[in-house]
Amino acid sequence: MRILRLLLAGLVIVAAGFVIAGEQLSGTSADAVINARLTTVRAPTAGQLTLEHRLLGSSVAEGEQLGSIDDPLVDNIYLNDMIREKAFATAEVDRLSSVIAAIEQSVSDLQARSERYQQQRILQLQAELRALTFEIGAAEARGDEAEAAFQRSKQLTDRGLEASASFERIRATQRVAAQDLESARQRAAVVEIELQAAQDGTFLGDGYNDAPYSEQRISELTLDQSENQALLNAEKEKAKALDNRINVERLRVNRLASSKLISNVDGTVWEVLTANGETVERGEPLMRLVNCTSTIITLSVAESVYNRLKIGDLAKFRVSNDQKVLEGTITRLAGSGAETIYRNLAVAPSERHLQRFDVTLVVPAIREDPALACAIGRTGRVFFEARPLDFLRTLWL
C-alpha cells in the first residue's frame, strides 16, 4: 500500500512537471496588438476647408461626408472665353440663317418671274406661229393666182395675142409669190422650233442665252445658298462642340469651386491633420482614418519561436482580460527591425517589439465581432503550439 502511494505521488509529480514544462515551453508571443491599415483623406482641390465636428475615434461609414472645400477664386477664364466664343458662333449662325432665308425668298420670286416669262414667251411664239400660218395661207393663195395668170399669159403669148413683156412681168410676179411662200414656211418652222424649246424651258432667239436673266440669277443664288448652307452647318457643329466643351469646363469649375470630402472606408477617425477654416492645397493630407475591415494582429516573438514558424501556420489569439481564444493564420513574417512595414498601420511598434521578430496574423473572427472589429490597440497573446491545459480552457469557454 505504501509503495502504491509512492507510485501515485511520483506519477502526479511527473504529470505536473509535464504540464508546467508544456505550458512554459510552448511558442507564445511577448505582445500582440489588434492593428489595422490607415487611409489618408487628401484635399481634392485647393480652397478653404470646412470640417464637420468629429471626435478622434468616432466612427465613419464608407461614402459619408467628412467636410467640404470651397474656393471662391477658382480660375474660370477658360470657361468665359469659350462662352464668348459660343456667343460669336451663335451670332454667325443667326446671320447665315438670315442670309439663306433672304436667298430663298429671292429664288422663289425669280422662279415665279421665270415661270411668267416662260408662259408669256410661249403665248408670243404661238401668236407668231398663227400669224405665219395665216401668212402662208395668203402666200399660197397669191401663188395660185400667179400660177393661173402665168398659164393664161403663156397661152396668149403663144398665140401672139399678148406681148412678151407682159408675160415676163407675170412670170416675175409668180416667182415673187413662190419666194414669199417659201420664206413664210421657213419662218414658221423656226417659230415652231422656238416654241418647242420654250415649252421645254430653253429659250432661243437673237440676243438670248439658253435661259432668261431670272433663271441665270437663280443659278447664281442657288450656288450662293449652297455655300452659305455649308458655312451654316460648320458654324452649327462648332457651336455644338463648344456646348460640349462648356459643359465639361463648367463641371470642372464647379468641382474646383466646391468639393466634398468623402470617407472611402468603414472605420474611425484616427488623426486630424488640419483645422477647420484653413486654406489647403490640392493633394494636401487632411485626415487619417482607420480601415476597420483590414484588422490584423501584429506581434513579436523570440528568435527561437520565429524560426519554427512559416506563413500559413495556425495560431490562437487571446485578448487580455478575456477568456475568448480566436483562431488565426500567419500571413507575414517580417523578422527583426521591421519598422518600415508599420508606416501605414495605426499602431506603431515599440522599441522592445523591434528588438524581437515581427509576425502578422489574420483572425477572421475579430472582423466579425462588433466589440473587437475596430478595437485598435487592444492587446493580447498569441500561442503557436498546443498546450497541455487547452482542453480545460475549451471547457471553460
Protein backbone atom coordinates (compact mmCIF):
# COMPACT_ATOMS: atom_id res chain seq x y z
CA MET A 1 0.00 0.00 0.00
CA ARG A 2 2.80 2.32 0.85
CA ILE A 3 4.54 1.53 -2.42
CA LEU A 4 1.32 2.25 -4.29
CA ARG A 5 1.03 5.65 -2.66
CA LEU A 6 4.63 6.38 -3.57
CA LEU A 7 3.97 5.42 -7.20
CA LEU A 8 0.86 7.61 -7.37
CA ALA A 9 2.77 10.54 -5.86
CA GLY A 10 5.53 10.04 -8.40
CA LEU A 11 3.03 9.98 -11.29
CA VAL A 12 1.42 13.18 -10.03
CA ILE A 13 4.81 14.88 -9.80
CA VAL A 14 5.74 13.76 -13.34
CA ALA A 15 2.35 14.89 -14.76
CA ALA A 16 2.63 18.25 -13.01
CA GLY A 17 6.14 18.70 -14.35
CA PHE A 18 4.94 17.81 -17.85
CA VAL A 19 2.07 20.33 -17.67
CA ILE A 20 4.31 23.08 -16.30
CA ALA A 21 7.00 22.41 -18.87
CA GLY A 22 4.45 22.22 -21.71
CA GLU A 23 2.78 25.43 -20.66
CA GLN A 24 6.09 27.26 -20.34
CA LEU A 25 7.86 25.85 -23.38
CA SER A 26 5.02 26.25 -25.90
CA GLY A 27 5.58 29.02 -28.51
CA THR A 28 3.94 32.27 -27.41
CA SER A 29 4.21 35.93 -28.32
CA ALA A 30 5.65 38.55 -26.00
CA ASP A 31 2.95 41.01 -27.05
CA ALA A 32 0.14 41.09 -29.58
CA VAL A 33 -1.88 44.14 -30.70
CA ILE A 34 -5.04 44.50 -32.72
CA ASN A 35 -3.94 46.71 -35.60
CA ALA A 36 -5.36 47.98 -38.93
CA ARG A 37 -4.34 49.89 -42.04
CA LEU A 38 -4.69 53.65 -42.26
CA THR A 39 -6.11 55.59 -45.19
CA THR A 40 -5.36 59.26 -45.77
CA VAL A 41 -8.05 61.69 -46.85
CA ARG A 42 -6.45 64.31 -49.13
CA ALA A 43 -7.77 67.60 -50.48
CA PRO A 44 -9.22 67.02 -53.98
CA THR A 45 -9.00 70.76 -54.70
CA ALA A 46 -7.46 73.89 -53.21
CA GLY A 47 -9.55 76.25 -51.10
CA GLN A 48 -10.92 76.94 -47.63
CA LEU A 49 -11.55 73.82 -45.55
CA THR A 50 -14.76 73.16 -43.63
CA LEU A 51 -14.69 70.05 -41.42
CA GLU A 52 -17.65 68.55 -39.64
CA HIS A 53 -17.06 68.30 -35.91
CA ARG A 54 -15.89 64.77 -35.10
CA LEU A 55 -14.10 63.40 -32.07
CA LEU A 56 -10.99 61.30 -32.52
CA GLY A 57 -12.07 57.67 -32.60
CA SER A 58 -15.59 58.42 -33.82
CA SER A 59 -17.00 56.00 -36.36
CA VAL A 60 -17.42 56.86 -40.05
CA ALA A 61 -19.10 54.90 -42.81
CA GLU A 62 -17.90 54.50 -46.37
CA GLY A 63 -19.36 57.30 -48.53
CA GLU A 64 -20.07 59.55 -45.53
CA GLN A 65 -19.24 63.24 -45.94
CA LEU A 66 -16.43 64.44 -43.69
CA GLY A 67 -16.34 68.08 -44.77
CA SER A 68 -16.00 70.32 -47.82
CA ILE A 69 -13.59 72.69 -49.58
CA ASP A 70 -14.71 75.97 -51.15
CA ASP A 71 -12.60 78.10 -53.48
CA PRO A 72 -14.19 81.47 -54.41
CA LEU A 73 -11.14 82.36 -56.53
CA VAL A 74 -11.33 79.36 -58.87
CA ASP A 75 -9.90 80.05 -62.33
CA ASN A 76 -12.82 80.34 -64.79
CA ILE A 77 -11.10 82.38 -67.52
CA TYR A 78 -11.10 79.50 -69.98
CA LEU A 79 -14.82 78.95 -69.35
CA ASN A 80 -15.58 82.63 -70.01
CA ASP A 81 -13.51 82.53 -73.20
CA MET A 82 -15.49 79.57 -74.50
CA ILE A 83 -18.81 81.19 -73.57
CA ARG A 84 -17.79 84.30 -75.53
CA GLU A 85 -16.70 82.15 -78.47
CA LYS A 86 -20.06 80.33 -78.33
CA ALA A 87 -21.84 83.72 -78.45
CA PHE A 88 -19.88 84.63 -81.61
CA ALA A 89 -20.75 81.28 -83.17
CA THR A 90 -24.43 81.73 -82.32
CA ALA A 91 -24.42 85.22 -83.88
CA GLU A 92 -22.82 83.82 -87.03
CA VAL A 93 -25.45 81.07 -87.18
CA ASP A 94 -28.18 83.69 -86.95
CA ARG A 95 -26.54 85.82 -89.66
CA LEU A 96 -26.12 82.90 -92.07
CA SER A 97 -29.68 81.76 -91.40
CA SER A 98 -30.94 85.26 -92.31
CA VAL A 99 -28.83 85.29 -95.49
CA ILE A 100 -30.10 81.88 -96.54
CA ALA A 101 -33.71 82.92 -95.85
CA ALA A 102 -33.23 86.06 -97.99
CA ILE A 103 -31.71 83.99 -100.80
CA GLU A 104 -34.58 81.51 -100.62
CA GLN A 105 -37.07 84.39 -100.91
CA SER A 106 -35.20 85.83 -103.89
CA VAL A 107 -35.05 82.44 -105.58
CA SER A 108 -38.77 82.00 -105.02
CA ASP A 109 -39.53 85.41 -106.57
CA LEU A 110 -37.25 84.76 -109.52
CA GLN A 111 -38.78 81.35 -110.12
CA ALA A 112 -42.23 82.93 -110.25
CA ARG A 113 -40.86 85.58 -112.61
CA SER A 114 -39.23 82.92 -114.80
CA GLU A 115 -42.46 80.94 -114.97
CA ARG A 116 -44.37 84.05 -116.01
CA TYR A 117 -41.75 84.83 -118.64
CA GLN A 118 -41.95 81.29 -120.00
CA GLN A 119 -45.75 81.46 -120.22
CA GLN A 120 -45.67 84.86 -121.95
CA ARG A 121 -42.93 83.75 -124.34
CA ILE A 122 -44.93 80.66 -125.27
CA LEU A 123 -48.00 82.79 -125.89
CA GLN A 124 -45.90 85.18 -128.03
CA LEU A 125 -44.49 82.36 -130.15
CA GLN A 126 -47.90 80.76 -130.52
CA ALA A 127 -49.25 84.11 -131.79
CA GLU A 128 -46.32 84.43 -134.20
CA LEU A 129 -46.94 80.90 -135.43
CA ARG A 130 -50.64 81.63 -136.02
CA ALA A 131 -49.69 84.81 -137.91
CA LEU A 132 -47.23 82.92 -140.05
CA THR A 133 -49.77 80.19 -140.69
CA PHE A 134 -52.19 82.85 -141.91
CA GLU A 135 -49.40 84.43 -143.99
CA ILE A 136 -48.57 81.04 -145.52
CA GLY A 137 -52.21 80.62 -146.45
CA ALA A 138 -52.28 84.05 -148.09
CA ALA A 139 -48.98 83.35 -149.85
CA GLU A 140 -50.36 80.08 -151.15
CA ALA A 141 -53.47 81.91 -152.47
CA ARG A 142 -51.32 84.51 -154.17
CA GLY A 143 -49.18 81.77 -155.63
CA ASP A 144 -52.21 80.03 -157.02
CA GLU A 145 -53.44 83.28 -158.60
CA ALA A 146 -49.99 83.95 -160.03
CA GLU A 147 -49.84 80.43 -161.44
CA ALA A 148 -53.23 80.85 -163.11
CA ALA A 149 -52.24 84.24 -164.51
CA PHE A 150 -48.97 82.76 -165.76
CA GLN A 151 -50.76 79.95 -167.60
CA ARG A 152 -53.20 82.36 -169.30
CA SER A 153 -50.40 84.75 -170.23
CA LYS A 154 -48.40 81.90 -171.71
CA GLN A 155 -51.32 80.77 -173.87
CA LEU A 156 -51.94 84.30 -175.10
CA THR A 157 -48.26 84.86 -175.78
CA ASP A 158 -48.04 81.61 -177.73
CA ARG A 159 -50.96 82.77 -179.93
CA GLY A 160 -49.39 86.17 -180.39
CA LEU A 161 -52.24 87.90 -178.65
CA GLU A 162 -50.11 89.32 -175.80
CA ALA A 163 -46.73 90.96 -175.78
CA SER A 164 -43.74 89.12 -174.37
CA ALA A 165 -43.03 91.95 -171.90
CA SER A 166 -46.37 91.39 -170.20
CA PHE A 167 -45.61 87.67 -169.98
CA GLU A 168 -42.29 88.30 -168.29
CA ARG A 169 -43.92 90.64 -165.76
CA ILE A 170 -46.48 87.96 -164.83
CA ARG A 171 -43.74 85.38 -164.65
CA ALA A 172 -41.75 87.58 -162.22
CA THR A 173 -44.87 88.03 -160.07
CA GLN A 174 -45.19 84.22 -159.91
CA ARG A 175 -41.59 83.85 -158.75
CA VAL A 176 -42.06 86.50 -156.04
CA ALA A 177 -45.20 84.73 -154.79
CA ALA A 178 -43.32 81.42 -154.62
CA GLN A 179 -40.46 83.02 -152.74
CA ASP A 180 -42.84 84.69 -150.27
CA LEU A 181 -44.50 81.33 -149.61
CA GLU A 182 -41.16 79.58 -149.04
CA SER A 183 -39.98 82.38 -146.73
CA ALA A 184 -43.19 82.20 -144.67
CA ARG A 185 -42.85 78.44 -144.35
CA GLN A 186 -39.21 78.70 -143.18
CA ARG A 187 -40.06 81.39 -140.64
CA ALA A 188 -42.95 79.20 -139.41
CA ALA A 189 -40.54 76.29 -139.00
CA VAL A 190 -38.19 78.50 -136.98
CA VAL A 191 -41.05 79.70 -134.75
CA GLU A 192 -42.16 76.07 -134.20
CA ILE A 193 -38.64 75.18 -133.06
CA GLU A 194 -38.53 78.16 -130.71
CA LEU A 195 -41.99 77.28 -129.33
CA GLN A 196 -41.00 73.69 -128.64
CA ALA A 197 -37.79 74.83 -126.96
CA ALA A 198 -39.68 77.37 -124.83
CA GLN A 199 -42.15 74.68 -123.71
CA ASP A 200 -39.11 72.58 -122.68
CA GLY A 201 -37.62 75.51 -120.74
CA THR A 202 -34.98 76.61 -123.26
CA PHE A 203 -35.30 79.95 -124.96
CA LEU A 204 -33.92 80.54 -128.49
CA GLY A 205 -33.66 83.76 -130.41
CA ASP A 206 -31.43 86.68 -131.22
CA GLY A 207 -29.93 88.24 -128.10
CA TYR A 208 -30.89 85.27 -125.81
CA ASN A 209 -28.86 82.73 -123.92
CA ASP A 210 -30.41 79.34 -123.29
CA ALA A 211 -32.17 80.83 -120.22
CA PRO A 212 -33.52 84.26 -119.32
CA TYR A 213 -31.90 86.54 -116.75
CA SER A 214 -34.15 85.31 -113.92
CA GLU A 215 -33.05 81.72 -114.39
CA GLN A 216 -29.40 82.74 -114.65
CA ARG A 217 -29.81 84.71 -111.45
CA ILE A 218 -31.48 81.70 -109.79
CA SER A 219 -28.42 79.60 -110.67
CA GLU A 220 -26.10 82.18 -109.09
CA LEU A 221 -28.23 82.48 -105.96
CA THR A 222 -28.51 78.70 -105.64
CA LEU A 223 -24.72 78.45 -105.65
CA ASP A 224 -24.52 81.20 -103.01
CA GLN A 225 -27.16 79.39 -100.97
CA SER A 226 -25.18 76.13 -101.09
CA GLU A 227 -22.02 77.92 -99.93
CA ASN A 228 -23.82 79.70 -97.10
CA GLN A 229 -25.56 76.47 -96.09
CA ALA A 230 -22.16 74.76 -95.83
CA LEU A 231 -20.89 77.63 -93.68
CA LEU A 232 -24.06 77.45 -91.55
CA ASN A 233 -23.62 73.71 -90.98
CA ALA A 234 -20.00 74.28 -89.99
CA GLU A 235 -20.97 77.01 -87.51
CA LYS A 236 -23.70 74.81 -86.03
CA GLU A 237 -21.20 71.98 -85.50
CA LYS A 238 -18.78 74.47 -83.97
CA ALA A 239 -21.50 75.74 -81.61
CA LYS A 240 -22.41 72.16 -80.69
CA ALA A 241 -18.77 71.31 -79.93
CA LEU A 242 -18.48 74.48 -77.85
CA ASP A 243 -21.59 73.49 -75.88
CA ASN A 244 -20.00 70.15 -75.01
CA ARG A 245 -16.71 71.78 -74.04
CA ILE A 246 -18.52 74.43 -71.98
CA ASN A 247 -20.45 71.73 -70.09
CA VAL A 248 -17.25 69.84 -69.33
CA GLU A 249 -15.42 73.01 -68.27
CA ARG A 250 -18.38 74.15 -66.15
CA LEU A 251 -18.32 70.80 -64.31
CA ARG A 252 -14.57 71.20 -63.76
CA VAL A 253 -15.01 74.73 -62.43
CA ASN A 254 -17.85 73.60 -60.16
CA ARG A 255 -15.70 70.79 -58.80
CA LEU A 256 -12.85 73.21 -58.15
CA ALA A 257 -15.15 75.81 -56.64
CA SER A 258 -16.70 73.38 -54.18
CA SER A 259 -15.78 69.78 -53.40
CA LYS A 260 -16.79 67.28 -50.75
CA LEU A 261 -14.54 65.18 -48.54
CA ILE A 262 -15.88 61.63 -48.57
CA SER A 263 -14.83 58.70 -46.41
CA ASN A 264 -13.58 55.79 -48.52
CA VAL A 265 -13.71 53.18 -45.75
CA ASP A 266 -15.79 51.95 -42.87
CA GLY A 267 -13.71 52.87 -39.85
CA THR A 268 -12.87 55.52 -37.30
CA VAL A 269 -11.23 58.95 -37.24
CA TRP A 270 -7.62 58.29 -36.22
CA GLU A 271 -5.91 61.64 -36.80
CA VAL A 272 -6.94 65.13 -37.96
CA LEU A 273 -4.05 66.94 -39.66
CA THR A 274 -5.70 70.31 -40.34
CA ALA A 275 -8.09 72.68 -38.62
CA ASN A 276 -11.47 73.97 -39.69
CA GLY A 277 -11.18 77.17 -41.77
CA GLU A 278 -7.64 76.60 -43.02
CA THR A 279 -6.68 77.20 -46.63
CA VAL A 280 -5.39 73.94 -48.08
CA GLU A 281 -3.70 72.95 -51.33
CA ARG A 282 -4.75 70.22 -53.70
CA GLY A 283 -3.41 66.84 -52.56
CA GLU A 284 -2.67 68.03 -49.02
CA PRO A 285 -3.36 65.33 -46.37
CA LEU A 286 -6.27 66.38 -44.16
CA MET A 287 -7.28 63.38 -42.08
CA ARG A 288 -6.34 59.77 -41.45
CA LEU A 289 -8.94 57.07 -40.98
CA VAL A 290 -8.61 53.53 -39.68
CA ASN A 291 -9.92 50.93 -42.11
CA CYS A 292 -11.75 48.61 -39.75
CA THR A 293 -12.25 46.00 -42.47
CA SER A 294 -8.46 45.44 -42.57
CA THR A 295 -7.99 44.43 -38.92
CA ILE A 296 -4.91 42.29 -38.27
CA ILE A 297 -2.86 41.16 -35.28
CA THR A 298 0.74 42.38 -35.07
CA LEU A 299 3.10 40.72 -32.58
CA SER A 300 6.70 39.89 -31.86
CA VAL A 301 8.30 36.61 -30.78
CA ALA A 302 11.69 35.31 -29.72
CA GLU A 303 14.10 34.16 -32.38
CA SER A 304 13.75 30.52 -31.32
CA VAL A 305 9.98 30.65 -31.85
CA TYR A 306 10.24 32.74 -35.03
CA ASN A 307 12.49 30.20 -36.76
CA ARG A 308 9.88 27.46 -36.24
CA LEU A 309 7.08 29.48 -37.90
CA LYS A 310 6.05 29.67 -41.56
CA ILE A 311 3.34 31.51 -43.47
CA GLY A 312 0.03 29.67 -43.31
CA ASP A 313 0.60 28.16 -39.84
CA LEU A 314 -2.35 28.26 -37.49
CA ALA A 315 -2.22 30.22 -34.23
CA LYS A 316 -4.54 31.20 -31.41
CA PHE A 317 -5.13 34.74 -30.15
CA ARG A 318 -6.45 35.52 -26.69
CA VAL A 319 -7.45 39.08 -25.82
CA SER A 320 -6.15 40.33 -22.50
CA ASN A 321 -8.69 40.16 -19.66
CA ASP A 322 -10.91 38.00 -21.85
CA GLN A 323 -11.27 34.23 -22.00
CA LYS A 324 -12.00 34.20 -25.74
CA VAL A 325 -9.49 32.25 -27.81
CA LEU A 326 -9.73 33.03 -31.53
CA GLU A 327 -8.24 31.04 -34.40
CA GLY A 328 -5.90 32.83 -36.81
CA THR A 329 -3.39 32.30 -39.62
CA ILE A 330 0.14 33.66 -40.05
CA THR A 331 0.23 35.90 -43.17
CA ARG A 332 3.60 37.68 -42.83
CA LEU A 333 6.96 37.06 -41.20
CA ALA A 334 8.88 40.36 -41.23
CA GLY A 335 11.78 39.46 -38.94
CA SER A 336 13.63 41.88 -36.69
CA GLY A 337 13.75 45.66 -37.04
CA ALA A 338 10.57 45.68 -39.13
CA GLU A 339 9.81 49.34 -38.56
CA THR A 340 9.04 50.35 -42.15
CA ILE A 341 6.08 47.98 -42.52
CA TYR A 342 4.23 49.90 -39.79
CA ARG A 343 4.23 53.22 -41.63
CA ASN A 344 0.70 52.65 -42.88
CA LEU A 345 -0.63 50.93 -39.76
CA ALA A 346 -2.48 52.56 -36.89
CA VAL A 347 -0.33 51.24 -34.01
CA ALA A 348 3.44 51.66 -34.33
CA PRO A 349 5.82 49.10 -32.78
CA SER A 350 7.59 49.76 -29.51
CA GLU A 351 11.39 49.63 -29.13
CA ARG A 352 11.07 46.30 -27.34
CA HIS A 353 8.93 45.00 -30.23
CA LEU A 354 11.56 45.99 -32.80
CA GLN A 355 14.23 44.13 -30.85
CA ARG A 356 12.32 40.89 -31.38
CA PHE A 357 10.96 39.23 -34.56
CA ASP A 358 7.79 40.58 -36.17
CA VAL A 359 4.81 38.37 -37.14
CA THR A 360 1.44 39.30 -38.62
CA LEU A 361 -1.69 37.27 -38.01
CA VAL A 362 -5.12 37.40 -39.62
CA VAL A 363 -8.01 36.44 -37.32
CA PRO A 364 -11.31 36.44 -39.28
CA ALA A 365 -13.38 36.14 -36.09
CA ILE A 366 -12.19 39.58 -34.94
CA ARG A 367 -13.59 41.29 -38.04
CA GLU A 368 -16.93 39.60 -37.41
CA ASP A 369 -17.05 40.55 -33.71
CA PRO A 370 -18.60 44.06 -33.24
CA ALA A 371 -16.73 44.52 -29.96
CA LEU A 372 -13.31 43.74 -31.46
CA ALA A 373 -13.70 44.69 -35.15
CA CYS A 374 -12.30 48.18 -34.61
CA ALA A 375 -10.74 47.81 -31.15
CA ILE A 376 -7.43 49.15 -32.41
CA GLY A 377 -4.67 48.96 -29.77
CA ARG A 378 -6.32 46.19 -27.74
CA THR A 379 -3.60 43.78 -26.57
CA GLY A 380 -3.41 40.05 -26.05
CA ARG A 381 -1.23 37.00 -26.56
CA VAL A 382 -0.76 34.57 -29.41
CA PHE A 383 0.02 30.86 -28.99
CA PHE A 384 1.53 28.90 -31.86
CA GLU A 385 1.53 25.36 -30.34
CA ALA A 386 -0.94 23.25 -28.36
CA ARG A 387 -0.62 23.40 -24.58
CA PRO A 388 -1.47 20.65 -22.08
CA LEU A 389 -4.30 22.62 -20.44
CA ASP A 390 -6.01 23.69 -23.70
CA PHE A 391 -8.82 21.15 -23.10
CA LEU A 392 -9.58 22.83 -19.76
CA ARG A 393 -9.62 26.25 -21.44
CA THR A 394 -12.04 24.88 -24.00
CA LEU A 395 -14.32 23.58 -21.28
CA TRP A 396 -14.12 26.95 -19.51
CA LEU A 397 -15.18 28.77 -22.67
